[in-house]
Amino acid sequence: MAPIILDVDVRRKVFRSRAGPEHVVLADMRFSLAEREIVALVGPSGCGKTTLLRLIGRLDHDFEGRITWHGQEAPRIGTVFQEPRLLPWRTVRENLLLVTPPDCVETVDELLRALGLWPHRDSYPTQISLGMARRASIARAFAIRPDIVLLDEPFVSLDPSMAERGRQVLLDAWQRRPTTGLLVTHDLLDAAALADRVLMLAGSPTRIVSEVVIPPANRRAGTEAAHAFAQELRLLRPVEPVLFPDVSAASSDRR
């Protein structure tokens, strides 16, 4: 079993306003992440998924509980946002180099080539498509050789074919630089195509209400398998971990 690198224990996260009472957004949110595991947190828009990523990414320290990194004082955290957030006055390659530590510079060109961005490395963000900009955002997150990559609805505004391409690009980056990943999404297809485990969120305040485990033989097995998993997720609201039946043999020729 892979070692645990992160324990999340958010007992309460509260939003406060001057005019009204406090609003408890998250409660009793407890889970762990193992090395090189991809976990998806699935819940409706506005349920606090991005807020949780901000807590884990150390952008917000105002909560009750503890987030524990094992064996790492200062983990490297890569982030893929809902929007690419590339600096418009820097080229694609310069955007990656800007955040890359000196010991990771060679990784930049490796990822640009692997993700099909090398011909556009000297282009500015306004000169490339949204799909390419999202690829650059994924490359930037992996270029730092992160201990974990946080993904905040990375394909939220893409049409189905572009989203499918984006998922494949993300998997290409992950296979090139395996790391732990935490994906938050409302799209069950994203979760089914990318994750090893899916944690379902619901309630007010938001909690983890169920867990779905995707077997190693099935996960990232291909588009048809991902659609099958997504359909299972729509039908199931388990209170205990659920293991999907093996369909990898039927889809192995599509990998």
Protein backbone atom coordinates (compact mmCIF):
# COMPACT_ATOMS: atom_id res chain seq x y z
CA MET A 1 0.00 0.00 0.00
CA ALA A 2 1.32 3.44 -0.94
CA PRO A 3 2.32 5.69 1.97
CA ILE A 4 -0.07 8.42 3.08
CA ILE A 5 1.27 11.88 2.28
CA LEU A 6 -1.64 14.06 3.42
CA ASP A 7 -4.34 13.88 6.09
CA VAL A 8 -7.23 16.34 5.88
CA ASP A 9 -9.37 16.99 8.97
CA VAL A 10 -11.57 20.05 8.53
CA ARG A 11 -13.98 20.06 11.45
CA ARG A 12 -15.54 23.41 10.51
CA LYS A 13 -15.05 26.11 7.94
CA VAL A 14 -17.16 29.20 8.48
CA PHE A 15 -17.87 32.22 6.32
CA ARG A 16 -18.69 35.33 8.33
CA SER A 17 -20.34 38.57 7.25
CA ARG A 18 -20.92 41.86 9.00
CA ALA A 19 -24.64 41.92 8.28
CA GLY A 20 -25.74 38.35 8.93
CA PRO A 21 -25.03 35.20 10.91
CA GLU A 22 -22.08 32.97 10.20
CA HIS A 23 -22.48 30.29 7.54
CA VAL A 24 -20.84 26.89 8.11
CA VAL A 25 -19.62 25.76 4.68
CA LEU A 26 -17.70 22.57 5.51
CA ALA A 27 -18.05 20.20 8.47
CA ASP A 28 -16.39 16.94 9.52
CA MET A 29 -14.43 16.70 6.27
CA ARG A 30 -11.91 13.91 6.87
CA PHE A 31 -9.90 11.96 4.30
CA SER A 32 -6.34 11.00 3.37
CA LEU A 33 -4.35 11.00 0.15
CA ALA A 34 -1.74 8.38 -0.68
CA GLU A 35 1.37 8.83 -2.78
CA ARG A 36 0.56 8.94 -6.53
CA GLU A 37 -3.17 8.57 -5.87
CA ILE A 38 -5.77 10.69 -7.68
CA VAL A 39 -8.87 11.43 -5.59
CA ALA A 40 -11.92 13.26 -6.93
CA LEU A 41 -14.24 15.30 -4.73
CA VAL A 42 -17.62 15.46 -6.48
CA GLY A 43 -20.34 17.87 -5.46
CA PRO A 44 -22.68 20.53 -6.84
CA SER A 45 -21.47 24.01 -7.70
CA GLY A 46 -21.24 26.25 -4.64
CA CYS A 47 -20.87 23.44 -2.10
CA GLY A 48 -17.40 24.51 -0.95
CA LYS A 49 -15.08 22.42 -3.13
CA THR A 50 -12.88 25.36 -4.12
CA THR A 51 -12.85 26.53 -0.50
CA LEU A 52 -11.46 23.14 0.52
CA LEU A 53 -8.73 23.37 -2.13
CA ARG A 54 -7.75 26.78 -0.77
CA LEU A 55 -7.35 25.28 2.70
CA ILE A 56 -5.19 22.43 1.41
CA GLY A 57 -3.20 24.81 -0.78
CA ARG A 58 -2.44 27.00 2.25
CA LEU A 59 -4.22 30.00 0.78
CA ASP A 60 -6.70 30.11 3.67
CA HIS A 61 -5.79 29.26 7.29
CA ASP A 62 -9.08 30.27 8.92
CA PHE A 63 -10.73 26.96 9.81
CA GLU A 64 -11.12 24.52 12.68
CA GLY A 65 -9.14 21.34 12.24
CA ARG A 66 -5.79 20.28 10.88
CA ILE A 67 -4.20 19.53 7.51
CA THR A 68 -1.12 17.36 7.99
CA TRP A 69 1.63 16.76 5.44
CA HIS A 70 3.68 13.68 6.29
CA GLY A 71 7.43 14.02 6.01
CA GLN A 72 7.32 17.38 4.25
CA GLU A 73 7.78 20.76 5.85
CA ALA A 74 7.14 22.71 2.65
CA PRO A 75 5.44 20.52 0.02
CA ARG A 76 5.47 21.63 -3.59
CA ILE A 77 1.86 22.27 -4.63
CA GLY A 78 0.88 22.58 -8.28
CA THR A 79 -2.52 24.08 -9.07
CA VAL A 80 -4.71 23.92 -12.18
CA PHE A 81 -7.40 26.59 -11.88
CA GLN A 82 -10.79 26.86 -13.56
CA GLU A 83 -9.25 29.46 -15.86
CA PRO A 84 -5.67 29.11 -17.20
CA ARG A 85 -4.43 32.31 -15.50
CA LEU A 86 -1.44 32.77 -17.81
CA LEU A 87 0.31 36.13 -17.74
CA PRO A 88 -0.56 37.78 -21.09
CA TRP A 89 2.75 39.65 -21.37
CA ARG A 90 4.82 36.44 -21.15
CA THR A 91 5.11 33.64 -23.68
CA VAL A 92 3.85 30.13 -22.95
CA ARG A 93 7.35 28.95 -22.07
CA GLU A 94 8.05 32.03 -19.96
CA ASN A 95 4.84 31.43 -17.98
CA LEU A 96 6.13 27.99 -17.06
CA LEU A 97 9.66 29.14 -16.30
CA LEU A 98 8.34 31.88 -14.02
CA VAL A 99 7.15 29.35 -11.41
CA THR A 100 9.77 26.65 -11.99
CA PRO A 101 12.53 26.14 -9.41
CA PRO A 102 16.11 25.96 -10.77
CA ASP A 103 16.25 22.18 -10.31
CA CYS A 104 13.18 21.68 -12.53
CA VAL A 105 14.00 23.86 -15.56
CA GLU A 106 14.65 20.90 -17.87
CA THR A 107 11.17 19.61 -17.03
CA VAL A 108 9.59 22.61 -18.77
CA ASP A 109 10.75 21.72 -22.26
CA GLU A 110 10.01 18.04 -21.65
CA LEU A 111 6.39 18.83 -20.77
CA LEU A 112 5.97 21.33 -23.61
CA ARG A 113 6.97 18.61 -26.06
CA ALA A 114 4.94 15.87 -24.36
CA LEU A 115 1.74 17.95 -24.29
CA GLY A 116 2.02 19.22 -27.86
CA LEU A 117 2.89 22.80 -26.92
CA TRP A 118 6.45 22.98 -28.24
CA PRO A 119 5.48 24.67 -31.55
CA HIS A 120 3.65 27.35 -29.50
CA ARG A 121 6.28 27.86 -26.80
CA ASP A 122 7.09 31.42 -27.95
CA SER A 123 3.45 32.42 -28.45
CA TYR A 124 1.62 34.71 -26.06
CA PRO A 125 -1.60 33.54 -24.35
CA THR A 126 -3.74 35.76 -26.58
CA GLN A 127 -2.28 34.00 -29.65
CA ILE A 128 -3.32 30.47 -28.66
CA SER A 129 -6.67 28.74 -28.19
CA LEU A 130 -8.38 28.18 -24.83
CA GLY A 131 -7.60 24.47 -25.14
CA MET A 132 -3.90 25.19 -25.60
CA ALA A 133 -3.96 27.65 -22.72
CA ARG A 134 -5.43 24.95 -20.49
CA ARG A 135 -2.69 22.58 -21.63
CA ALA A 136 -0.14 25.20 -20.66
CA SER A 137 -1.80 25.54 -17.26
CA ILE A 138 -1.53 21.77 -16.73
CA ALA A 139 2.11 21.81 -17.85
CA ARG A 140 2.85 24.67 -15.43
CA ALA A 141 1.41 22.70 -12.50
CA PHE A 142 3.53 19.63 -13.29
CA ALA A 143 6.70 21.53 -14.21
CA ILE A 144 7.60 22.16 -10.57
CA ARG A 145 7.67 18.38 -9.88
CA PRO A 146 4.91 18.81 -7.31
CA ASP A 147 4.17 16.64 -4.31
CA ILE A 148 0.48 17.19 -5.09
CA VAL A 149 -1.53 18.78 -7.89
CA LEU A 150 -4.79 20.52 -6.97
CA LEU A 151 -7.30 20.66 -9.84
CA ASP A 152 -10.22 23.07 -9.56
CA GLU A 153 -12.83 22.20 -12.24
CA PRO A 154 -10.11 22.26 -14.92
CA PHE A 155 -12.47 21.50 -17.85
CA VAL A 156 -15.55 23.37 -16.67
CA SER A 157 -16.14 25.56 -19.74
CA LEU A 158 -15.06 23.16 -22.49
CA ASP A 159 -17.33 21.31 -24.90
CA PRO A 160 -17.35 17.49 -24.58
CA SER A 161 -14.67 16.83 -27.23
CA MET A 162 -12.34 19.49 -25.80
CA ALA A 163 -12.93 18.23 -22.26
CA GLU A 164 -12.06 14.69 -23.37
CA ARG A 165 -8.85 16.00 -24.94
CA GLY A 166 -8.10 17.91 -21.74
CA ARG A 167 -8.49 14.79 -19.62
CA GLN A 168 -6.08 12.93 -21.89
CA VAL A 169 -3.57 15.78 -21.68
CA LEU A 170 -3.82 15.67 -17.91
CA LEU A 171 -3.22 11.91 -17.89
CA ASP A 172 -0.25 12.35 -20.24
CA ALA A 173 1.26 14.86 -17.80
CA TRP A 174 0.56 12.57 -14.85
CA GLN A 175 2.16 9.58 -16.58
CA ARG A 176 5.17 11.71 -17.44
CA ARG A 177 5.46 13.04 -13.87
CA PRO A 178 3.44 10.79 -11.51
CA THR A 179 2.28 12.59 -8.40
CA THR A 180 -0.68 12.80 -6.04
CA GLY A 181 -3.73 14.60 -7.38
CA LEU A 182 -6.86 16.08 -5.81
CA LEU A 183 -9.59 16.94 -8.32
CA VAL A 184 -12.73 18.87 -7.41
CA THR A 185 -15.52 18.72 -9.95
CA HIS A 186 -19.27 18.54 -10.44
CA ASP A 187 -18.73 16.47 -13.60
CA LEU A 188 -18.96 12.74 -12.92
CA LEU A 189 -17.21 11.94 -16.19
CA ASP A 190 -14.10 13.84 -15.06
CA ALA A 191 -14.09 11.84 -11.84
CA ALA A 192 -14.69 8.49 -13.57
CA ALA A 193 -11.97 9.09 -16.17
CA LEU A 194 -9.24 10.32 -13.83
CA ALA A 195 -9.67 9.17 -10.25
CA ASP A 196 -8.67 6.17 -8.18
CA ARG A 197 -11.28 7.11 -5.57
CA VAL A 198 -14.33 9.34 -5.71
CA LEU A 199 -15.63 11.11 -2.60
CA MET A 200 -19.24 12.32 -2.90
CA LEU A 201 -20.11 15.60 -1.18
CA ALA A 202 -23.56 16.66 -0.05
CA GLY A 203 -25.47 18.32 2.77
CA SER A 204 -25.44 21.72 4.39
CA PRO A 205 -22.81 22.16 5.70
CA THR A 206 -21.03 20.05 3.10
CA ARG A 207 -19.73 16.64 4.16
CA ILE A 208 -18.38 13.49 2.54
CA VAL A 209 -21.42 11.23 2.30
CA SER A 210 -20.01 8.31 0.33
CA GLU A 211 -16.88 6.85 -1.25
CA VAL A 212 -16.48 4.98 -4.53
CA VAL A 213 -13.30 3.03 -5.29
CA ILE A 214 -12.37 2.45 -8.92
CA PRO A 215 -10.27 -0.74 -9.30
CA PRO A 216 -6.72 -0.41 -10.65
CA ALA A 217 -7.65 -2.51 -13.70
CA ASN A 218 -10.45 -0.10 -14.60
CA ARG A 219 -9.28 3.40 -13.86
CA ARG A 220 -8.14 5.44 -16.84
CA ALA A 221 -9.13 2.44 -19.02
CA GLY A 222 -10.59 4.49 -21.86
CA THR A 223 -13.50 6.67 -22.87
CA GLU A 224 -16.13 3.93 -22.97
CA ALA A 225 -15.18 2.69 -19.51
CA ALA A 226 -15.24 6.25 -18.14
CA HIS A 227 -18.78 6.78 -19.44
CA ALA A 228 -19.82 3.50 -17.80
CA PHE A 229 -18.31 4.56 -14.47
CA ALA A 230 -20.00 7.95 -14.71
CA GLN A 231 -23.36 6.28 -15.22
CA GLU A 232 -22.77 4.09 -12.15
CA LEU A 233 -21.92 7.19 -10.14
CA ARG A 234 -25.20 8.80 -11.20
CA LEU A 235 -27.15 5.79 -9.99
CA LEU A 236 -25.26 5.06 -6.78
CA ARG A 237 -25.19 7.09 -3.61
CA PRO A 238 -23.29 4.58 -1.45
CA VAL A 239 -22.71 4.96 2.27
CA GLU A 240 -19.84 2.46 2.16
CA PRO A 241 -16.97 2.19 -0.35
CA VAL A 242 -18.14 0.56 -3.59
CA LEU A 243 -15.93 -1.41 -5.99
CA PHE A 244 -16.97 -1.30 -9.63
CA PRO A 245 -17.01 -4.54 -11.66
CA ASP A 246 -14.05 -5.09 -13.99
CA VAL A 247 -14.74 -3.81 -17.49
CA SER A 248 -11.13 -3.17 -18.47
CA ALA A 249 -10.96 -6.17 -20.81
CA ALA A 250 -13.72 -4.70 -22.96
CA SER A 251 -11.99 -1.34 -23.22
CA SER A 252 -8.29 -2.28 -23.23
CA ASP A 253 -8.10 -1.89 -27.02
CA ARG A 254 -9.12 1.77 -26.65
CA ARG A 255 -6.34 2.79 -24.29
